[in-house]
Amino acid sequence: MKFFKPAILFIFLSINCLAQNRIQNLEKAFKNLLADEQAKHAIISLCVLDANTGKILFAKNEQIGLATASTLKTITAATAFSILGKDFQFQTTLAYSGNITTDGVLKGNLIIVGSGDPTLGSWRYQNKENAVLTQWVAAIKAAGIKKIEGVIIGDDRIFGTQTTPEGWVWQDIGNYYGAGTSGLAWRENQFDIHLRPGSSTADEVKVVKTVPETPYVKIINELKTGSSGTGDRSYAFLPPYSNLAYLRGSWGMGIGKTGISVALPDPAFDCAYRLQDTLKRLGIPTNQQATTTRLMALNNQSIPVVTQKLSTISSPPLSEITYWFLKKSINLYGETLLKTIALKSGKAATTAKGAETEINFWANKGIDKSALNIIDGSGLSPGDRVTTSAMASILFQIQKENWFADFYKGLPEYNGMKIKSGTINDVSAFAGYHTDAAGNKYVMVININNYSGSGINKKLFRVLDELK
């Protein structure tokens, strides 16, 4: 026993010394990053916490608000779990107005009532496009409807008419990752344009087709064939609710992709259009073009009242939605969740009210309001400003929640760590957790704004490697 206590003390001192060396090495790596030529005009912030106690182990510039890019999704997801609950589901209802005659004529309208479900028709889940349309057709047939003397209406009123947040960049809007929200979202609010490069840089790029066929959108193709190896440098400029898309940039020779994905300008209309087209092919005609409640309001048409519900489709639970939100960084989900958070809190379903609700929620848990300048739910806006200290504190707090395992599961793995990445123009960031070989657990957030050049992530990883 006389050797036991000294041995314990020796082990304790060794562990403490190792921990001190680790932090010293982390500080050295951070200074090396500050001195790097790519960081000459940049701001870099790092905050590392002990995941068990919340104690700050190392922090530099942690109180400076920086553009977050997609690391903001960690805060949006945590807020959604807290306010909506991990079992929350969206509901989309197919209904009709008017009445059905004895010979199967609907003297009224089919109405698809949206609740903002961003997964409706998505290929990632059970409720894929064909599955949804099949369920709706079955419900229509079961009701005895053989002809519709009315119109198919996409009811997108729940989220209002502003689909994209203020502060989004024009170059992003119109592309799949810049798809805005809709009260009746459909197929993740995107469609594909297949492209074929020319045989030389003097040739134009050919638009082969759209998938699915989208005849109501006119495509103005200004794409140039890029030299071999230049890949995809194309952008779609397609505003919300527009039917005119400009393709600009270049499409490289020898590219391995078939084309690009672009944002649906009016998801509610496309949803109603697809149902109408499906019914027409099955011999159940309508005598008017598909429309939406927004378009009806613009035309001063009264919106019909639902007479009877035919079918209700539930989304996957929030825990599953959040998995893909974090894993694949789907901006649409973040914007939808922010509006839904506002709605659940009794406010208007707007981005601004969602951000206000989110900020107030964390302020009530001790986070400084001024450290959370949030203007969207996905981090796509370069105008977001959040400190690494605030983000790290939120990541520390949520570890005790009963939904944390679902949150953690959704975090991608980069550099051998469970961390969410974020990238927009001249911004790169990572936020999440790591457990080292000795079992020590860390919460860390690193963020660089206004760096130059490319390949910055490997240099951020050199800093985080000191926690391994």
Protein backbone atom coordinates (compact mmCIF):
# COMPACT_ATOMS: atom_id res chain seq x y z
CA MET A 1 0.00 0.00 0.00
CA LYS A 2 2.92 2.35 0.64
CA PHE A 3 3.59 2.34 -3.13
CA PHE A 4 -0.07 2.68 -4.09
CA LYS A 5 -0.67 6.34 -3.32
CA PRO A 6 2.54 7.55 -5.00
CA ALA A 7 1.64 5.45 -8.06
CA ILE A 8 -1.81 7.03 -8.26
CA LEU A 9 -0.27 10.48 -7.86
CA PHE A 10 2.25 9.72 -10.59
CA ILE A 11 -0.49 8.61 -12.98
CA PHE A 12 -2.57 11.70 -12.19
CA LEU A 13 0.40 14.02 -12.76
CA SER A 14 1.26 12.22 -16.01
CA ILE A 15 -2.28 12.62 -17.33
CA ASN A 16 -2.36 16.26 -16.29
CA CYS A 17 1.01 16.87 -17.94
CA LEU A 18 -0.19 15.17 -21.13
CA ALA A 19 -3.30 17.34 -21.19
CA GLN A 20 -1.22 20.49 -20.70
CA ASN A 21 1.11 19.47 -23.51
CA ARG A 22 -1.86 18.85 -25.76
CA ILE A 23 -3.23 22.35 -25.20
CA GLN A 24 0.24 23.84 -25.68
CA ASN A 25 0.54 21.98 -28.97
CA LEU A 26 -2.93 23.16 -29.95
CA GLU A 27 -1.92 26.76 -29.27
CA LYS A 28 1.24 26.30 -31.34
CA ALA A 29 -0.73 24.82 -34.25
CA PHE A 30 -3.20 27.70 -34.07
CA LYS A 31 -0.37 30.25 -34.19
CA ASN A 32 1.05 28.46 -37.23
CA LEU A 33 -2.31 28.80 -38.93
CA LEU A 34 -2.44 32.51 -38.09
CA ALA A 35 0.98 32.92 -39.68
CA ASP A 36 0.02 31.05 -42.85
CA GLU A 37 -0.03 33.09 -46.06
CA GLN A 38 -3.64 32.01 -46.73
CA ALA A 39 -4.68 33.61 -43.44
CA LYS A 40 -2.89 36.92 -44.03
CA HIS A 41 -6.15 38.86 -44.34
CA ALA A 42 -8.38 36.40 -42.50
CA ILE A 43 -10.04 36.18 -39.12
CA ILE A 44 -9.71 32.80 -37.40
CA SER A 45 -11.61 31.72 -34.30
CA LEU A 46 -11.26 28.56 -32.25
CA CYS A 47 -13.07 27.39 -29.14
CA VAL A 48 -12.38 24.03 -27.49
CA LEU A 49 -14.31 22.86 -24.42
CA ASP A 50 -14.02 19.88 -22.12
CA ALA A 51 -17.15 17.99 -23.21
CA ASN A 52 -17.71 16.67 -19.67
CA THR A 53 -17.44 19.94 -17.74
CA GLY A 54 -17.81 22.71 -20.30
CA LYS A 55 -14.50 24.22 -19.17
CA ILE A 56 -12.68 26.21 -21.83
CA LEU A 57 -9.48 24.37 -22.72
CA PHE A 58 -8.39 26.73 -25.46
CA ALA A 59 -10.01 29.73 -27.11
CA LYS A 60 -8.87 32.50 -29.42
CA ASN A 61 -11.10 35.16 -30.99
CA GLU A 62 -14.01 33.17 -29.61
CA GLN A 63 -16.12 36.29 -29.01
CA ILE A 64 -15.90 37.56 -32.58
CA GLY A 65 -19.01 36.95 -34.66
CA LEU A 66 -18.18 35.25 -37.95
CA ALA A 67 -20.08 33.98 -40.97
CA THR A 68 -20.86 30.38 -40.06
CA ALA A 69 -21.67 28.72 -43.37
CA SER A 70 -23.37 25.35 -42.74
CA THR A 71 -22.11 24.93 -39.17
CA LEU A 72 -25.17 27.05 -38.31
CA LYS A 73 -27.20 23.93 -39.07
CA THR A 74 -26.08 22.51 -35.70
CA ILE A 75 -27.92 25.33 -33.92
CA THR A 76 -30.99 25.05 -36.15
CA ALA A 77 -31.18 21.29 -35.61
CA ALA A 78 -30.74 21.63 -31.84
CA THR A 79 -33.47 24.27 -31.69
CA ALA A 80 -35.85 22.17 -33.79
CA PHE A 81 -35.31 19.14 -31.56
CA SER A 82 -35.93 21.28 -28.48
CA ILE A 83 -39.08 23.07 -29.70
CA LEU A 84 -40.67 20.56 -32.09
CA GLY A 85 -39.53 17.28 -30.51
CA LYS A 86 -37.72 14.40 -32.19
CA ASP A 87 -40.98 12.67 -33.15
CA PHE A 88 -42.49 15.73 -34.87
CA GLN A 89 -44.00 15.03 -38.31
CA PHE A 90 -45.36 17.22 -41.09
CA GLN A 91 -48.77 16.37 -42.57
CA THR A 92 -49.86 16.86 -46.20
CA THR A 93 -53.56 16.43 -46.98
CA LEU A 94 -55.30 15.71 -50.28
CA ALA A 95 -58.91 16.93 -50.22
CA TYR A 96 -61.65 18.22 -52.47
CA SER A 97 -64.17 21.01 -52.53
CA GLY A 98 -67.69 20.79 -53.93
CA ASN A 99 -69.36 17.42 -54.41
CA ILE A 100 -69.14 14.20 -56.41
CA THR A 101 -72.06 13.27 -58.63
CA THR A 102 -73.46 9.74 -58.91
CA ASP A 103 -71.64 9.25 -62.20
CA GLY A 104 -68.25 10.19 -60.68
CA VAL A 105 -67.88 13.82 -61.71
CA LEU A 106 -66.24 16.06 -59.12
CA LYS A 107 -68.10 19.36 -59.28
CA GLY A 108 -65.30 21.13 -57.53
CA ASN A 109 -61.55 21.10 -57.04
CA LEU A 110 -58.83 18.80 -55.80
CA ILE A 111 -56.74 20.59 -53.18
CA ILE A 112 -53.30 19.54 -51.90
CA VAL A 113 -52.93 21.23 -48.51
CA GLY A 114 -49.27 21.61 -47.56
CA SER A 115 -47.73 22.01 -44.12
CA GLY A 116 -44.24 22.77 -45.40
CA ASP A 117 -43.04 19.14 -45.42
CA PRO A 118 -39.60 19.38 -47.11
CA THR A 119 -39.49 15.61 -47.64
CA LEU A 120 -42.66 15.19 -49.71
CA GLY A 121 -41.70 13.39 -52.92
CA SER A 122 -38.04 13.18 -51.88
CA TRP A 123 -36.01 10.21 -53.11
CA ARG A 124 -34.42 9.85 -49.65
CA TYR A 125 -37.51 8.49 -47.91
CA GLN A 126 -40.48 6.19 -48.27
CA ASN A 127 -42.72 8.99 -49.59
CA LYS A 128 -40.98 9.20 -52.96
CA GLU A 129 -42.65 11.05 -55.84
CA ASN A 130 -44.19 7.96 -57.44
CA ALA A 131 -45.31 6.58 -54.07
CA VAL A 132 -47.07 9.85 -53.21
CA LEU A 133 -48.77 10.13 -56.60
CA THR A 134 -49.84 6.47 -56.40
CA GLN A 135 -51.39 7.02 -52.97
CA TRP A 136 -53.24 10.11 -54.15
CA VAL A 137 -54.55 8.39 -57.29
CA ALA A 138 -55.79 5.46 -55.19
CA ALA A 139 -57.61 7.85 -52.84
CA ILE A 140 -59.21 9.70 -55.77
CA LYS A 141 -60.39 6.45 -57.34
CA ALA A 142 -61.66 5.17 -53.97
CA ALA A 143 -63.80 8.32 -53.71
CA GLY A 144 -65.38 7.43 -57.05
CA ILE A 145 -63.95 10.42 -58.94
CA LYS A 146 -63.72 9.79 -62.70
CA LYS A 147 -63.67 13.36 -63.96
CA ILE A 148 -62.88 16.74 -62.43
CA GLU A 149 -64.86 19.80 -63.48
CA GLY A 150 -62.59 22.08 -61.58
CA VAL A 151 -58.90 22.56 -60.97
CA ILE A 152 -56.11 20.92 -59.01
CA ILE A 153 -54.82 23.41 -56.45
CA GLY A 154 -51.54 23.38 -54.55
CA ASP A 155 -52.27 25.08 -51.22
CA ASP A 156 -48.97 26.65 -50.17
CA ARG A 157 -50.34 29.37 -47.86
CA ILE A 158 -48.84 28.19 -44.59
CA PHE A 159 -45.38 29.72 -45.21
CA GLY A 160 -46.49 32.83 -47.07
CA THR A 161 -45.01 33.98 -50.37
CA GLN A 162 -41.37 34.72 -49.44
CA THR A 163 -39.48 31.54 -50.22
CA THR A 164 -35.83 32.59 -49.85
CA PRO A 165 -34.37 34.42 -46.85
CA GLU A 166 -33.17 37.99 -47.12
CA GLY A 167 -29.42 37.98 -47.48
CA TRP A 168 -29.05 35.03 -49.84
CA VAL A 169 -26.71 35.55 -52.79
CA TRP A 170 -28.16 35.82 -56.30
CA GLN A 171 -25.63 33.28 -57.61
CA ASP A 172 -26.99 30.68 -55.15
CA ILE A 173 -30.71 31.26 -55.71
CA GLY A 174 -31.89 29.14 -58.63
CA ASN A 175 -29.51 26.26 -57.95
CA TYR A 176 -30.55 23.14 -56.02
CA TYR A 177 -28.71 24.17 -52.85
CA GLY A 178 -30.43 27.56 -53.03
CA ALA A 179 -33.94 26.13 -53.33
CA GLY A 180 -36.28 28.12 -51.12
CA THR A 181 -39.06 26.87 -48.90
CA SER A 182 -42.67 26.30 -49.90
CA GLY A 183 -45.81 25.66 -47.94
CA LEU A 184 -46.19 22.75 -50.35
CA ALA A 185 -42.64 21.54 -50.99
CA TRP A 186 -42.12 18.88 -53.64
CA ARG A 187 -39.17 16.64 -54.56
CA GLU A 188 -36.88 18.79 -52.39
CA ASN A 189 -37.87 21.73 -54.59
CA GLN A 190 -35.53 20.85 -57.43
CA PHE A 191 -35.33 19.34 -60.90
CA ASP A 192 -32.47 18.26 -63.16
CA ILE A 193 -31.14 19.65 -66.42
CA HIS A 194 -29.06 17.20 -68.46
CA LEU A 195 -26.19 18.78 -70.38
CA ARG A 196 -23.69 17.76 -73.04
CA PRO A 197 -20.44 19.68 -73.62
CA GLY A 198 -19.22 20.49 -77.11
CA SER A 199 -16.17 18.93 -78.72
CA SER A 200 -14.14 22.14 -78.32
CA THR A 201 -14.22 25.29 -76.21
CA ALA A 202 -15.63 27.13 -79.22
CA ASP A 203 -18.80 24.99 -79.07
CA GLU A 204 -21.95 25.63 -77.12
CA VAL A 205 -23.19 23.27 -74.44
CA LYS A 206 -26.30 21.33 -75.43
CA VAL A 207 -29.31 21.11 -73.12
CA VAL A 208 -30.38 17.50 -73.58
CA LYS A 209 -33.53 17.41 -71.45
CA THR A 210 -35.05 18.24 -68.09
CA VAL A 211 -35.87 15.52 -65.57
CA PRO A 212 -38.74 15.40 -65.00
CA GLU A 213 -39.93 17.14 -68.14
CA THR A 214 -40.72 20.72 -67.16
CA PRO A 215 -42.26 22.41 -70.20
CA TYR A 216 -43.50 25.43 -68.28
CA VAL A 217 -39.90 26.61 -67.64
CA LYS A 218 -38.09 28.21 -70.59
CA ILE A 219 -34.32 27.67 -70.47
CA ILE A 220 -31.98 30.26 -71.99
CA ASN A 221 -28.69 28.46 -72.44
CA GLU A 222 -25.61 30.68 -72.24
CA LEU A 223 -23.25 27.92 -71.10
CA LYS A 224 -19.85 27.62 -72.75
CA THR A 225 -17.88 24.41 -73.16
CA GLY A 226 -14.99 24.39 -70.72
CA SER A 227 -11.61 22.83 -71.38
CA SER A 228 -11.00 19.27 -70.23
CA GLY A 229 -10.69 18.99 -66.46
CA THR A 230 -12.51 22.23 -65.62
CA GLY A 231 -15.68 20.35 -64.65
CA ASP A 232 -18.87 22.04 -63.49
CA ARG A 233 -18.69 25.82 -63.33
CA SER A 234 -22.30 26.37 -64.24
CA TYR A 235 -25.02 28.31 -62.44
CA ALA A 236 -28.74 28.58 -62.99
CA PHE A 237 -30.30 32.00 -62.54
CA LEU A 238 -33.94 31.20 -61.91
CA PRO A 239 -35.86 33.45 -59.50
CA PRO A 240 -38.71 32.13 -57.34
CA TYR A 241 -42.05 31.97 -59.21
CA SER A 242 -40.36 32.68 -62.56
CA ASN A 243 -40.68 30.55 -65.69
CA LEU A 244 -37.44 31.79 -67.26
CA ALA A 245 -34.06 30.22 -66.39
CA TYR A 246 -30.67 31.45 -67.59
CA LEU A 247 -27.78 28.98 -67.54
CA ARG A 248 -24.42 30.71 -67.27
CA GLY A 249 -20.84 29.62 -66.82
CA SER A 250 -19.09 26.60 -68.32
CA TRP A 251 -19.50 22.85 -68.58
CA GLY A 252 -16.19 21.07 -69.04
CA MET A 253 -15.31 18.50 -71.67
CA GLY A 254 -14.96 14.99 -70.28
CA ILE A 255 -17.10 15.75 -67.23
CA GLY A 256 -18.46 12.68 -65.45
CA LYS A 257 -21.86 14.15 -64.51
CA THR A 258 -24.99 14.11 -66.64
CA GLY A 259 -26.08 17.59 -65.65
CA ILE A 260 -27.05 19.97 -62.87
CA SER A 261 -29.87 20.23 -60.37
CA VAL A 262 -31.70 23.54 -60.16
CA ALA A 263 -34.37 24.99 -57.90
CA LEU A 264 -38.04 24.57 -58.73
CA PRO A 265 -39.39 28.09 -59.13
CA ASP A 266 -42.84 27.12 -57.76
CA PRO A 267 -42.89 23.74 -55.98
CA ALA A 268 -46.61 23.91 -55.14
CA PHE A 269 -47.46 24.42 -58.80
CA ASP A 270 -45.19 21.56 -59.87
CA CYS A 271 -46.80 19.25 -57.31
CA ALA A 272 -50.31 20.06 -58.61
CA TYR A 273 -49.05 19.84 -62.19
CA ARG A 274 -47.61 16.32 -61.63
CA LEU A 275 -50.86 15.10 -60.08
CA GLN A 276 -52.89 16.54 -62.95
CA ASP A 277 -50.56 14.96 -65.53
CA THR A 278 -50.75 11.58 -63.77
CA LEU A 279 -54.56 11.67 -63.64
CA LYS A 280 -54.77 12.68 -67.30
CA ARG A 281 -52.66 9.69 -68.34
CA LEU A 282 -54.94 7.43 -66.28
CA GLY A 283 -58.09 8.77 -67.92
CA ILE A 284 -59.24 11.11 -65.14
CA PRO A 285 -59.26 14.50 -66.89
CA THR A 286 -59.56 18.03 -65.55
CA ASN A 287 -60.80 20.95 -67.62
CA GLN A 288 -58.45 23.63 -66.25
CA GLN A 289 -54.71 24.09 -65.74
CA ALA A 290 -53.25 23.27 -62.33
CA THR A 291 -52.76 26.27 -60.05
CA THR A 292 -51.85 27.34 -56.52
CA THR A 293 -53.51 29.38 -53.82
CA ARG A 294 -50.86 32.08 -54.39
CA LEU A 295 -51.74 32.35 -58.08
CA MET A 296 -55.45 32.38 -57.26
CA ALA A 297 -54.94 35.26 -54.83
CA LEU A 298 -52.96 37.17 -57.49
CA ASN A 299 -55.90 36.73 -59.87
CA ASN A 300 -58.43 37.79 -57.21
CA GLN A 301 -60.01 34.34 -57.24
CA SER A 302 -61.69 33.05 -54.13
CA ILE A 303 -59.99 30.00 -52.62
CA PRO A 304 -62.44 27.12 -52.23
CA VAL A 305 -63.19 25.59 -48.84
CA VAL A 306 -62.38 21.92 -48.31
CA THR A 307 -65.46 19.68 -48.30
CA GLN A 308 -63.84 16.30 -47.67
CA LYS A 309 -60.36 14.99 -46.93
CA LEU A 310 -59.20 12.06 -49.07
CA SER A 311 -55.68 11.21 -47.87
CA THR A 312 -53.05 12.37 -45.41
CA ILE A 313 -49.34 11.73 -45.80
CA SER A 314 -47.05 12.02 -42.80
CA SER A 315 -43.40 12.92 -43.15
CA PRO A 316 -40.64 10.91 -41.49
CA PRO A 317 -40.03 11.99 -37.87
CA LEU A 318 -37.80 14.96 -37.18
CA SER A 319 -35.01 12.65 -35.99
CA GLU A 320 -34.80 11.16 -39.50
CA ILE A 321 -35.15 14.51 -41.24
CA THR A 322 -32.38 15.96 -39.10
CA TYR A 323 -30.11 13.02 -39.93
CA TRP A 324 -30.12 14.00 -43.61
CA PHE A 325 -30.15 17.72 -42.77
CA LEU A 326 -26.82 17.39 -40.98
CA LYS A 327 -25.32 14.53 -43.01
CA LYS A 328 -25.98 16.03 -46.46
CA SER A 329 -26.29 19.70 -45.42
CA ILE A 330 -29.66 20.28 -47.14
CA ASN A 331 -30.32 24.02 -46.96
CA LEU A 332 -34.04 23.63 -47.71
CA TYR A 333 -34.50 21.66 -44.48
CA GLY A 334 -32.88 24.39 -42.39
CA GLU A 335 -35.10 27.11 -43.80
CA THR A 336 -38.20 24.95 -43.39
CA LEU A 337 -37.35 24.07 -39.79
CA LEU A 338 -36.77 27.73 -38.92
CA LYS A 339 -40.23 28.70 -40.21
CA THR A 340 -41.81 25.70 -38.49
CA ILE A 341 -40.16 26.66 -35.20
CA ALA A 342 -41.79 30.09 -35.48
CA LEU A 343 -45.17 28.56 -36.30
CA LYS A 344 -44.98 26.11 -33.39
CA SER A 345 -44.18 29.04 -31.09
CA GLY A 346 -47.33 30.89 -32.13
CA LYS A 347 -45.66 33.34 -34.51
CA ALA A 348 -45.90 33.97 -38.23
CA ALA A 349 -44.10 31.30 -40.25
CA THR A 350 -41.35 33.59 -41.53
CA THR A 351 -37.57 33.31 -41.54
CA ALA A 352 -37.21 36.43 -39.40
CA LYS A 353 -39.64 35.17 -36.75
CA GLY A 354 -37.94 31.78 -36.75
CA ALA A 355 -34.54 33.36 -36.20
CA GLU A 356 -35.97 35.54 -33.43
CA THR A 357 -37.48 32.48 -31.75
CA GLU A 358 -34.20 30.60 -32.03
CA ILE A 359 -32.12 33.43 -30.58
CA ASN A 360 -34.55 33.95 -27.68
CA PHE A 361 -34.59 30.22 -26.94
CA TRP A 362 -30.83 30.07 -26.45
CA ALA A 363 -30.73 33.43 -24.67
CA ASN A 364 -32.99 31.86 -22.05
CA LYS A 365 -30.34 29.18 -21.65
CA GLY A 366 -27.57 31.66 -20.96
CA ILE A 367 -26.24 32.39 -24.44
CA ASP A 368 -25.56 36.09 -25.11
CA LYS A 369 -28.09 37.34 -27.66
CA SER A 370 -25.50 39.55 -29.29
CA ALA A 371 -23.38 36.47 -30.04
CA LEU A 372 -26.16 35.06 -32.23
CA ASN A 373 -26.76 37.25 -35.27
CA ILE A 374 -28.83 34.72 -37.22
CA ILE A 375 -30.72 35.58 -40.40
CA ASP A 376 -31.39 32.15 -41.92
CA GLY A 377 -31.60 28.50 -40.91
CA SER A 378 -28.97 26.92 -43.13
CA GLY A 379 -26.01 29.26 -42.97
CA LEU A 380 -26.06 29.88 -46.71
CA SER A 381 -26.30 33.62 -46.09
CA PRO A 382 -22.91 35.34 -45.70
CA GLY A 383 -24.66 37.76 -43.36
CA ASP A 384 -24.95 35.30 -40.45
CA ARG A 385 -22.64 36.15 -37.55
CA VAL A 386 -22.19 33.73 -34.65
CA THR A 387 -19.27 33.40 -32.23
CA THR A 388 -17.47 30.09 -31.84
CA SER A 389 -17.97 30.47 -28.09
CA ALA A 390 -21.76 30.58 -28.45
CA MET A 391 -21.84 27.64 -30.86
CA ALA A 392 -19.55 25.57 -28.65
CA SER A 393 -21.67 26.36 -25.59
CA ILE A 394 -24.83 25.18 -27.37
CA LEU A 395 -23.08 21.99 -28.49
CA PHE A 396 -22.01 21.39 -24.90
CA GLN A 397 -25.48 22.00 -23.44
CA ILE A 398 -27.36 19.66 -25.78
CA GLN A 399 -25.36 16.58 -24.75
CA LYS A 400 -27.73 15.99 -21.85
CA GLU A 401 -30.90 16.03 -23.99
CA ASN A 402 -32.80 12.80 -24.69
CA TRP A 403 -32.58 13.47 -28.43
CA PHE A 404 -28.81 14.02 -28.46
CA ALA A 405 -28.07 10.53 -29.79
CA ASP A 406 -30.14 11.32 -32.90
CA PHE A 407 -28.36 14.65 -33.31
CA TYR A 408 -24.93 13.08 -32.91
CA LYS A 409 -25.72 10.30 -35.39
CA GLY A 410 -26.42 12.86 -38.08
CA LEU A 411 -23.06 14.61 -37.77
CA PRO A 412 -20.73 13.70 -40.65
CA GLU A 413 -17.25 12.35 -40.01
CA TYR A 414 -14.35 14.45 -41.19
CA ASN A 415 -10.73 14.02 -40.20
CA GLY A 416 -11.72 11.17 -37.87
CA MET A 417 -14.06 13.46 -35.92
CA LYS A 418 -17.85 13.90 -35.67
CA ILE A 419 -18.09 17.43 -36.99
CA LYS A 420 -20.36 19.49 -39.22
CA SER A 421 -18.59 21.34 -41.98
CA GLY A 422 -19.46 24.72 -43.42
CA THR A 423 -18.27 26.27 -46.67
CA ILE A 424 -19.32 29.41 -48.52
CA ASN A 425 -17.20 31.96 -50.37
CA ASP A 426 -13.92 32.42 -48.44
CA VAL A 427 -15.43 30.84 -45.31
CA SER A 428 -14.62 27.42 -43.89
CA ALA A 429 -15.71 26.09 -40.51
CA PHE A 430 -16.14 22.88 -38.50
CA ALA A 431 -18.18 22.28 -35.35
CA GLY A 432 -18.75 19.13 -33.32
CA TYR A 433 -17.19 16.57 -31.04
CA HIS A 434 -14.15 14.35 -30.65
CA THR A 435 -13.00 11.67 -28.22
CA ASP A 436 -9.24 11.11 -28.15
CA ALA A 437 -7.38 7.82 -27.72
CA ALA A 438 -7.27 8.30 -23.94
CA GLY A 439 -11.03 8.83 -23.70
CA ASN A 440 -10.97 12.59 -23.24
CA LYS A 441 -13.98 14.25 -24.87
CA TYR A 442 -13.98 17.63 -26.56
CA VAL A 443 -16.42 20.10 -28.04
CA MET A 444 -14.74 22.20 -30.70
CA VAL A 445 -15.62 24.92 -33.16
CA ILE A 446 -13.10 26.37 -35.62
CA ASN A 447 -13.92 29.03 -38.19
CA ILE A 448 -11.92 31.05 -40.72
CA ASN A 449 -13.38 33.98 -42.67
CA ASN A 450 -11.80 35.80 -45.62
CA TYR A 451 -8.97 33.36 -46.34
CA SER A 452 -7.29 33.26 -49.73
CA GLY A 453 -6.57 30.40 -52.11
CA SER A 454 -7.78 26.83 -51.82
CA GLY A 455 -7.12 23.75 -49.68
CA ILE A 456 -7.65 25.54 -46.36
CA ASN A 457 -9.45 22.61 -44.72
CA LYS A 458 -6.31 20.48 -44.40
CA LYS A 459 -4.72 23.36 -42.48
CA LEU A 460 -7.72 23.59 -40.15
CA PHE A 461 -7.41 19.84 -39.59
CA ARG A 462 -3.75 20.26 -38.58
CA VAL A 463 -4.98 22.39 -35.70
CA LEU A 464 -7.72 19.95 -34.69
CA ASP A 465 -5.29 17.04 -35.00
CA GLU A 466 -3.66 18.20 -31.77
CA LEU A 467 -6.79 16.93 -29.97
CA LYS A 468 -6.18 13.38 -31.16
